[in-house]
């Protein structure tokens, strides 16, 4: 449980300062944050272009890595726009099964993840969904729980 708190703290700090875009102008601070994300196996060598915004499917991958699931097998998904051939279709299914992402007909995997969506994924993955829902739900309740 202590490791979860450390990981959640690291991710909350990264999200709160908008580091998921990894701007080049803050290279030194980003290097420290990147090292932490690599140390926790949230990022790996396949994350090659960190100078651009994170997509929704990448955020699902990072969230599942936060939970210790870095192995993704190809599977059909409930979303028409995430095919079985997609490299992270297994991560999408895992996140869907855990309630980290919500049911819908499409997922829009290549769209840039919104701040509120990223916070919701992380808060839900860490087990604070009920607290967030009791604090107002999406999106304010999740942001409120994350700031606490």
N, C-alpha and C. Protein backbone atom coordinates (compact mmCIF):
# COMPACT_ATOMS: atom_id res chain seq x y z
N UNK A 1 0.82 -1.19 0.00
CA UNK A 1 0.00 0.00 0.00
C UNK A 1 0.86 1.25 0.00
N UNK A 2 1.98 1.22 0.71
CA UNK A 2 2.87 2.38 0.75
C UNK A 2 3.41 2.70 -0.65
N UNK A 3 3.70 1.65 -1.44
CA UNK A 3 4.19 1.86 -2.80
C UNK A 3 3.12 2.54 -3.64
N UNK A 4 1.85 2.19 -3.43
CA UNK A 4 0.76 2.85 -4.16
C UNK A 4 0.73 4.33 -3.85
N UNK A 5 0.95 4.69 -2.59
CA UNK A 5 0.94 6.10 -2.21
C UNK A 5 2.09 6.85 -2.87
N UNK A 6 3.25 6.23 -2.93
CA UNK A 6 4.41 6.86 -3.58
C UNK A 6 4.12 7.06 -5.05
N UNK A 7 3.61 6.03 -5.70
CA UNK A 7 3.32 6.12 -7.13
C UNK A 7 2.23 7.16 -7.38
N UNK A 8 1.18 7.13 -6.56
CA UNK A 8 0.10 8.09 -6.78
C UNK A 8 0.59 9.52 -6.55
N UNK A 9 1.46 9.71 -5.57
CA UNK A 9 2.03 11.03 -5.33
C UNK A 9 2.83 11.49 -6.55
N UNK A 10 3.70 10.61 -7.06
CA UNK A 10 4.51 10.97 -8.23
C UNK A 10 3.63 11.35 -9.41
N UNK A 11 2.61 10.53 -9.68
CA UNK A 11 1.74 10.82 -10.81
C UNK A 11 0.90 12.07 -10.58
N UNK A 12 0.44 12.28 -9.36
CA UNK A 12 -0.34 13.49 -9.07
C UNK A 12 0.49 14.74 -9.29
N UNK A 13 1.74 14.71 -8.85
CA UNK A 13 2.63 15.84 -9.06
C UNK A 13 2.83 16.09 -10.55
N UNK A 14 3.06 15.02 -11.28
CA UNK A 14 3.29 15.15 -12.71
C UNK A 14 2.07 15.72 -13.40
N UNK A 15 0.90 15.23 -13.05
CA UNK A 15 -0.33 15.72 -13.67
C UNK A 15 -0.58 17.17 -13.29
N UNK A 16 -0.42 17.48 -12.02
CA UNK A 16 -0.75 18.83 -11.54
C UNK A 16 0.11 19.91 -12.18
N UNK A 17 1.31 19.59 -12.54
CA UNK A 17 2.16 20.61 -13.16
C UNK A 17 2.17 20.49 -14.68
N UNK A 18 1.30 19.64 -15.20
CA UNK A 18 1.17 19.55 -16.64
C UNK A 18 2.36 18.93 -17.33
N UNK A 19 3.05 18.04 -16.66
CA UNK A 19 4.26 17.46 -17.22
C UNK A 19 3.96 16.40 -18.28
N UNK A 20 2.74 15.90 -18.38
CA UNK A 20 2.49 14.82 -19.34
C UNK A 20 2.79 15.24 -20.77
N UNK A 21 2.90 16.52 -21.02
CA UNK A 21 3.29 16.98 -22.34
C UNK A 21 4.81 16.98 -22.48
N UNK A 22 5.52 16.95 -21.36
CA UNK A 22 6.98 16.92 -21.32
C UNK A 22 7.62 18.01 -22.19
N UNK A 23 7.33 19.27 -21.89
CA UNK A 23 7.93 20.34 -22.71
C UNK A 23 9.45 20.35 -22.61
N UNK A 24 10.10 20.61 -23.73
CA UNK A 24 11.55 20.57 -23.81
C UNK A 24 12.19 21.67 -22.97
N UNK A 25 11.51 22.77 -22.74
CA UNK A 25 12.08 23.90 -22.02
C UNK A 25 12.38 23.57 -20.56
N UNK A 26 11.79 22.54 -20.02
CA UNK A 26 12.01 22.14 -18.64
C UNK A 26 12.76 20.82 -18.59
N UNK A 27 13.78 20.71 -19.41
CA UNK A 27 14.47 19.44 -19.60
C UNK A 27 15.01 18.84 -18.31
N UNK A 28 15.59 19.64 -17.46
CA UNK A 28 16.19 19.11 -16.24
C UNK A 28 15.13 18.53 -15.30
N UNK A 29 14.06 19.27 -15.06
CA UNK A 29 12.98 18.78 -14.20
C UNK A 29 12.31 17.57 -14.83
N UNK A 30 12.13 17.61 -16.13
CA UNK A 30 11.51 16.48 -16.82
C UNK A 30 12.36 15.23 -16.72
N UNK A 31 13.66 15.39 -16.76
CA UNK A 31 14.56 14.23 -16.68
C UNK A 31 14.38 13.50 -15.35
N UNK A 32 14.24 14.25 -14.27
CA UNK A 32 14.01 13.64 -12.95
C UNK A 32 12.67 12.91 -12.94
N UNK A 33 11.63 13.54 -13.47
CA UNK A 33 10.31 12.91 -13.51
C UNK A 33 10.30 11.69 -14.43
N UNK A 34 10.99 11.80 -15.55
CA UNK A 34 11.08 10.66 -16.46
C UNK A 34 11.78 9.48 -15.80
N UNK A 35 12.84 9.76 -15.08
CA UNK A 35 13.55 8.68 -14.39
C UNK A 35 12.63 7.97 -13.41
N UNK A 36 11.79 8.70 -12.70
CA UNK A 36 10.84 8.10 -11.77
C UNK A 36 9.83 7.23 -12.51
N UNK A 37 9.32 7.74 -13.62
CA UNK A 37 8.34 6.97 -14.38
C UNK A 37 8.96 5.70 -14.98
N UNK A 38 10.20 5.78 -15.41
CA UNK A 38 10.90 4.58 -15.89
C UNK A 38 11.17 3.63 -14.73
N UNK A 39 11.56 4.15 -13.57
CA UNK A 39 11.86 3.31 -12.41
C UNK A 39 10.64 2.53 -11.95
N UNK A 40 9.46 3.12 -12.06
CA UNK A 40 8.23 2.44 -11.66
C UNK A 40 7.62 1.63 -12.81
N UNK A 41 8.35 1.52 -13.93
CA UNK A 41 7.89 0.77 -15.11
C UNK A 41 6.59 1.31 -15.69
N UNK A 42 6.35 2.59 -15.51
CA UNK A 42 5.17 3.20 -16.12
C UNK A 42 5.49 3.58 -17.56
N UNK A 43 6.70 4.06 -17.79
CA UNK A 43 7.20 4.29 -19.14
C UNK A 43 8.20 3.20 -19.47
N UNK A 44 8.30 2.89 -20.75
CA UNK A 44 9.31 1.94 -21.19
C UNK A 44 9.95 2.44 -22.48
N UNK A 45 10.80 1.65 -23.06
CA UNK A 45 11.54 2.08 -24.26
C UNK A 45 10.64 2.34 -25.46
N UNK A 46 9.42 1.82 -25.45
CA UNK A 46 8.53 2.04 -26.59
C UNK A 46 7.93 3.46 -26.59
N UNK A 47 8.09 4.17 -25.48
CA UNK A 47 7.58 5.54 -25.38
C UNK A 47 8.63 6.50 -25.94
N UNK A 48 8.70 6.56 -27.26
CA UNK A 48 9.82 7.25 -27.89
C UNK A 48 9.63 8.75 -28.07
N UNK A 49 8.42 9.21 -28.33
CA UNK A 49 8.22 10.63 -28.59
C UNK A 49 7.44 11.28 -27.45
N UNK A 50 8.16 11.69 -26.43
CA UNK A 50 7.52 12.29 -25.26
C UNK A 50 7.39 13.80 -25.38
N UNK A 51 7.69 14.34 -26.55
CA UNK A 51 7.57 15.78 -26.75
C UNK A 51 6.17 16.18 -27.20
N UNK A 52 5.32 15.21 -27.44
CA UNK A 52 3.96 15.50 -27.89
C UNK A 52 2.97 15.10 -26.79
N UNK A 53 1.76 15.63 -26.86
CA UNK A 53 0.75 15.27 -25.85
C UNK A 53 0.44 13.78 -25.84
N UNK A 54 0.00 13.29 -24.70
CA UNK A 54 -0.34 11.88 -24.52
C UNK A 54 -1.73 11.62 -25.07
N UNK A 55 -1.89 10.50 -25.79
CA UNK A 55 -3.20 10.12 -26.31
C UNK A 55 -3.98 9.36 -25.25
N UNK A 56 -5.27 9.18 -25.51
CA UNK A 56 -6.12 8.46 -24.56
C UNK A 56 -5.64 7.01 -24.38
N UNK A 57 -5.26 6.36 -25.45
CA UNK A 57 -4.84 4.96 -25.32
C UNK A 57 -3.49 4.85 -24.62
N UNK A 58 -2.62 5.83 -24.81
CA UNK A 58 -1.35 5.83 -24.07
C UNK A 58 -1.60 6.02 -22.58
N UNK A 59 -2.57 6.87 -22.24
CA UNK A 59 -2.89 7.08 -20.83
C UNK A 59 -3.43 5.81 -20.21
N UNK A 60 -4.21 5.05 -20.97
CA UNK A 60 -4.70 3.75 -20.48
C UNK A 60 -3.51 2.83 -20.24
N UNK A 61 -2.58 2.83 -21.17
CA UNK A 61 -1.38 2.00 -21.01
C UNK A 61 -0.62 2.40 -19.74
N UNK A 62 -0.41 3.70 -19.53
CA UNK A 62 0.31 4.18 -18.35
C UNK A 62 -0.44 3.83 -17.06
N UNK A 63 -1.75 3.96 -17.11
CA UNK A 63 -2.55 3.64 -15.92
C UNK A 63 -2.48 2.16 -15.59
N UNK A 64 -2.55 1.33 -16.60
CA UNK A 64 -2.44 -0.12 -16.35
C UNK A 64 -1.03 -0.46 -15.86
N UNK A 65 -0.02 0.24 -16.36
CA UNK A 65 1.35 0.03 -15.87
C UNK A 65 1.46 0.43 -14.41
N UNK A 66 0.75 1.49 -14.02
CA UNK A 66 0.71 1.91 -12.63
C UNK A 66 0.22 0.77 -11.73
N UNK A 67 -0.69 -0.03 -12.26
CA UNK A 67 -1.23 -1.17 -11.52
C UNK A 67 -0.34 -2.41 -11.62
N UNK A 68 0.77 -2.28 -12.33
CA UNK A 68 1.69 -3.41 -12.46
C UNK A 68 1.40 -4.31 -13.63
N UNK A 69 0.53 -3.88 -14.53
CA UNK A 69 0.20 -4.68 -15.70
C UNK A 69 0.86 -4.07 -16.92
N UNK A 70 2.02 -4.61 -17.28
CA UNK A 70 2.74 -4.11 -18.45
C UNK A 70 2.72 -5.08 -19.62
N UNK A 71 1.99 -6.17 -19.48
CA UNK A 71 1.91 -7.17 -20.54
C UNK A 71 0.53 -7.09 -21.16
N UNK A 72 0.48 -6.79 -22.44
CA UNK A 72 -0.80 -6.61 -23.11
C UNK A 72 -0.92 -7.57 -24.28
N UNK A 73 -1.89 -8.46 -24.21
CA UNK A 73 -2.12 -9.36 -25.33
C UNK A 73 -3.24 -8.79 -26.19
N UNK A 74 -3.21 -9.14 -27.47
CA UNK A 74 -4.24 -8.65 -28.39
C UNK A 74 -5.57 -9.31 -28.06
N UNK A 75 -6.58 -8.50 -27.91
CA UNK A 75 -7.92 -8.99 -27.61
C UNK A 75 -8.94 -8.08 -28.27
N UNK A 76 -10.10 -8.62 -28.56
CA UNK A 76 -11.16 -7.75 -29.07
C UNK A 76 -11.65 -6.87 -27.91
N UNK A 77 -12.06 -5.67 -28.24
CA UNK A 77 -12.49 -4.72 -27.21
C UNK A 77 -13.95 -4.34 -27.44
N UNK A 78 -14.58 -3.73 -26.45
CA UNK A 78 -15.97 -3.29 -26.63
C UNK A 78 -16.08 -2.02 -27.47
N UNK A 79 -14.95 -1.46 -27.90
CA UNK A 79 -14.96 -0.22 -28.66
C UNK A 79 -14.71 -0.51 -30.14
N UNK A 80 -15.52 0.05 -31.00
CA UNK A 80 -15.39 -0.21 -32.43
C UNK A 80 -14.10 0.37 -33.03
N UNK A 81 -13.50 1.36 -32.37
CA UNK A 81 -12.30 1.99 -32.93
C UNK A 81 -11.00 1.50 -32.28
N UNK A 82 -11.06 0.46 -31.46
CA UNK A 82 -9.86 -0.19 -30.92
C UNK A 82 -9.95 -1.65 -31.32
N UNK A 83 -9.26 -1.98 -32.40
CA UNK A 83 -9.34 -3.33 -32.93
C UNK A 83 -8.46 -4.30 -32.14
N UNK A 84 -8.70 -5.55 -32.37
CA UNK A 84 -7.92 -6.61 -31.72
C UNK A 84 -6.43 -6.50 -32.07
N UNK A 85 -6.13 -5.96 -33.23
CA UNK A 85 -4.75 -5.84 -33.67
C UNK A 85 -3.99 -4.71 -32.99
N UNK A 86 -4.69 -3.81 -32.34
CA UNK A 86 -4.02 -2.67 -31.71
C UNK A 86 -3.11 -3.18 -30.59
N UNK A 87 -1.92 -2.63 -30.51
CA UNK A 87 -0.91 -3.08 -29.55
C UNK A 87 -1.39 -2.97 -28.10
N UNK A 88 -2.27 -2.03 -27.80
CA UNK A 88 -2.74 -1.84 -26.43
C UNK A 88 -4.20 -2.27 -26.23
N UNK A 89 -4.71 -3.12 -27.11
CA UNK A 89 -6.10 -3.57 -26.95
C UNK A 89 -6.27 -4.33 -25.63
N UNK A 90 -5.27 -5.07 -25.19
CA UNK A 90 -5.34 -5.76 -23.91
C UNK A 90 -5.41 -4.79 -22.74
N UNK A 91 -4.67 -3.69 -22.83
CA UNK A 91 -4.71 -2.66 -21.79
C UNK A 91 -6.09 -2.01 -21.74
N UNK A 92 -6.68 -1.78 -22.90
CA UNK A 92 -8.03 -1.20 -22.96
C UNK A 92 -9.02 -2.15 -22.29
N UNK A 93 -8.92 -3.44 -22.58
CA UNK A 93 -9.83 -4.40 -21.96
C UNK A 93 -9.65 -4.46 -20.45
N UNK A 94 -8.41 -4.44 -20.00
CA UNK A 94 -8.14 -4.46 -18.56
C UNK A 94 -8.71 -3.23 -17.88
N UNK A 95 -8.49 -2.07 -18.48
CA UNK A 95 -9.01 -0.82 -17.91
C UNK A 95 -10.53 -0.80 -17.93
N UNK A 96 -11.12 -1.34 -18.97
CA UNK A 96 -12.58 -1.42 -19.07
C UNK A 96 -13.13 -2.33 -17.98
N UNK A 97 -12.50 -3.49 -17.79
CA UNK A 97 -12.95 -4.46 -16.78
C UNK A 97 -12.86 -3.88 -15.37
N UNK A 98 -11.86 -3.04 -15.12
CA UNK A 98 -11.68 -2.44 -13.80
C UNK A 98 -12.49 -1.16 -13.60
N UNK A 99 -13.20 -0.71 -14.64
CA UNK A 99 -14.00 0.51 -14.54
C UNK A 99 -13.19 1.78 -14.66
N UNK A 100 -11.94 1.65 -15.12
CA UNK A 100 -11.07 2.81 -15.28
C UNK A 100 -11.53 3.66 -16.46
N UNK A 101 -12.03 3.00 -17.48
CA UNK A 101 -12.63 3.70 -18.62
C UNK A 101 -14.09 3.27 -18.72
N UNK A 102 -14.91 4.14 -19.23
CA UNK A 102 -16.35 3.92 -19.23
C UNK A 102 -16.83 3.27 -20.52
N UNK A 103 -17.95 2.56 -20.43
CA UNK A 103 -18.53 1.96 -21.63
C UNK A 103 -19.00 3.02 -22.62
N UNK A 104 -18.78 2.76 -23.87
CA UNK A 104 -19.22 3.62 -24.97
C UNK A 104 -19.05 2.84 -26.25
N UNK A 105 -19.55 3.35 -27.34
CA UNK A 105 -19.38 2.64 -28.61
C UNK A 105 -17.99 2.86 -29.19
N UNK A 106 -17.41 4.04 -28.96
CA UNK A 106 -16.07 4.33 -29.44
C UNK A 106 -15.21 4.85 -28.28
N UNK A 107 -13.89 4.73 -28.46
CA UNK A 107 -12.95 5.15 -27.43
C UNK A 107 -12.13 6.37 -27.84
N UNK A 108 -11.98 6.62 -29.12
CA UNK A 108 -11.15 7.71 -29.64
C UNK A 108 -9.72 7.59 -29.12
N UNK A 109 -9.05 6.48 -29.43
CA UNK A 109 -7.74 6.19 -28.85
C UNK A 109 -6.65 7.19 -29.21
N UNK A 110 -6.74 7.84 -30.36
CA UNK A 110 -5.67 8.73 -30.81
C UNK A 110 -5.91 10.19 -30.43
N UNK A 111 -7.03 10.47 -29.77
CA UNK A 111 -7.29 11.84 -29.33
C UNK A 111 -6.44 12.13 -28.09
N UNK A 112 -5.96 13.35 -27.98
CA UNK A 112 -5.18 13.75 -26.81
C UNK A 112 -6.04 13.61 -25.56
N UNK A 113 -5.47 12.99 -24.53
CA UNK A 113 -6.21 12.81 -23.28
C UNK A 113 -6.39 14.16 -22.60
N UNK A 114 -7.56 14.40 -22.10
CA UNK A 114 -7.83 15.63 -21.35
C UNK A 114 -7.34 15.45 -19.93
N UNK A 115 -7.00 16.54 -19.30
CA UNK A 115 -6.53 16.53 -17.91
C UNK A 115 -7.51 15.76 -17.02
N UNK A 116 -8.79 16.09 -17.14
CA UNK A 116 -9.81 15.47 -16.29
C UNK A 116 -9.90 13.96 -16.54
N UNK A 117 -9.72 13.54 -17.79
CA UNK A 117 -9.76 12.12 -18.11
C UNK A 117 -8.58 11.39 -17.48
N UNK A 118 -7.41 11.99 -17.56
CA UNK A 118 -6.22 11.38 -16.97
C UNK A 118 -6.37 11.25 -15.46
N UNK A 119 -6.88 12.29 -14.83
CA UNK A 119 -7.09 12.26 -13.38
C UNK A 119 -8.09 11.17 -13.02
N UNK A 120 -9.18 11.07 -13.78
CA UNK A 120 -10.19 10.04 -13.50
C UNK A 120 -9.59 8.65 -13.60
N UNK A 121 -8.79 8.41 -14.63
CA UNK A 121 -8.18 7.09 -14.80
C UNK A 121 -7.29 6.74 -13.61
N UNK A 122 -6.47 7.67 -13.21
CA UNK A 122 -5.53 7.40 -12.11
C UNK A 122 -6.26 7.24 -10.78
N UNK A 123 -7.20 8.12 -10.50
CA UNK A 123 -7.95 8.04 -9.24
C UNK A 123 -8.72 6.72 -9.17
N UNK A 124 -9.35 6.33 -10.26
CA UNK A 124 -10.09 5.07 -10.29
C UNK A 124 -9.14 3.89 -10.11
N UNK A 125 -8.00 3.91 -10.80
CA UNK A 125 -7.03 2.82 -10.70
C UNK A 125 -6.50 2.67 -9.28
N UNK A 126 -6.37 3.77 -8.57
CA UNK A 126 -5.84 3.73 -7.21
C UNK A 126 -6.90 3.38 -6.16
N UNK A 127 -8.14 3.20 -6.60
CA UNK A 127 -9.18 2.75 -5.70
C UNK A 127 -9.96 3.84 -5.01
N UNK A 128 -9.90 5.06 -5.51
CA UNK A 128 -10.60 6.18 -4.89
C UNK A 128 -11.85 6.60 -5.65
N UNK A 129 -12.38 5.72 -6.46
CA UNK A 129 -13.55 6.04 -7.28
C UNK A 129 -14.75 6.45 -6.43
N UNK A 130 -15.05 5.67 -5.39
CA UNK A 130 -16.20 5.99 -4.54
C UNK A 130 -16.05 7.36 -3.91
N UNK A 131 -14.87 7.67 -3.42
CA UNK A 131 -14.63 8.98 -2.81
C UNK A 131 -14.83 10.09 -3.84
N UNK A 132 -14.37 9.87 -5.06
CA UNK A 132 -14.53 10.87 -6.11
C UNK A 132 -15.99 11.04 -6.49
N UNK A 133 -16.70 9.93 -6.60
CA UNK A 133 -18.13 10.00 -6.93
C UNK A 133 -18.90 10.71 -5.82
N UNK A 134 -18.53 10.45 -4.57
CA UNK A 134 -19.18 11.10 -3.44
C UNK A 134 -18.82 12.58 -3.32
N UNK A 135 -17.75 12.98 -3.99
CA UNK A 135 -17.32 14.39 -3.97
C UNK A 135 -17.83 15.17 -5.17
N UNK A 136 -18.72 14.57 -5.94
CA UNK A 136 -19.30 15.28 -7.08
C UNK A 136 -19.18 14.58 -8.40
N UNK A 137 -18.44 13.46 -8.44
CA UNK A 137 -18.34 12.69 -9.68
C UNK A 137 -17.44 13.34 -10.70
N UNK A 138 -17.64 12.91 -11.95
CA UNK A 138 -16.79 13.40 -13.03
C UNK A 138 -17.20 14.82 -13.38
N UNK A 139 -16.33 15.64 -13.46
CA UNK A 139 -14.90 15.62 -13.34
C UNK A 139 -14.40 16.29 -12.05
N UNK A 140 -15.26 17.13 -11.49
CA UNK A 140 -14.86 17.88 -10.30
C UNK A 140 -14.53 17.02 -9.09
N UNK A 141 -15.29 15.96 -8.87
CA UNK A 141 -15.04 15.09 -7.73
C UNK A 141 -13.71 14.38 -7.84
N UNK A 142 -13.34 13.98 -9.04
CA UNK A 142 -12.06 13.29 -9.25
C UNK A 142 -10.89 14.25 -9.07
N UNK A 143 -11.01 15.45 -9.59
CA UNK A 143 -9.98 16.45 -9.43
C UNK A 143 -9.84 16.82 -7.95
N UNK A 144 -10.96 16.93 -7.25
CA UNK A 144 -10.94 17.25 -5.82
C UNK A 144 -10.22 16.16 -5.04
N UNK A 145 -10.53 14.90 -5.29
CA UNK A 145 -9.87 13.80 -4.58
C UNK A 145 -8.39 13.77 -4.93
N UNK A 146 -8.04 14.02 -6.17
CA UNK A 146 -6.64 14.03 -6.57
C UNK A 146 -5.86 15.14 -5.85
N UNK A 147 -6.48 16.29 -5.67
CA UNK A 147 -5.79 17.39 -5.01
C UNK A 147 -5.60 17.13 -3.51
N UNK A 148 -6.45 16.26 -2.96
CA UNK A 148 -6.30 15.92 -1.55
C UNK A 148 -5.18 14.95 -1.37
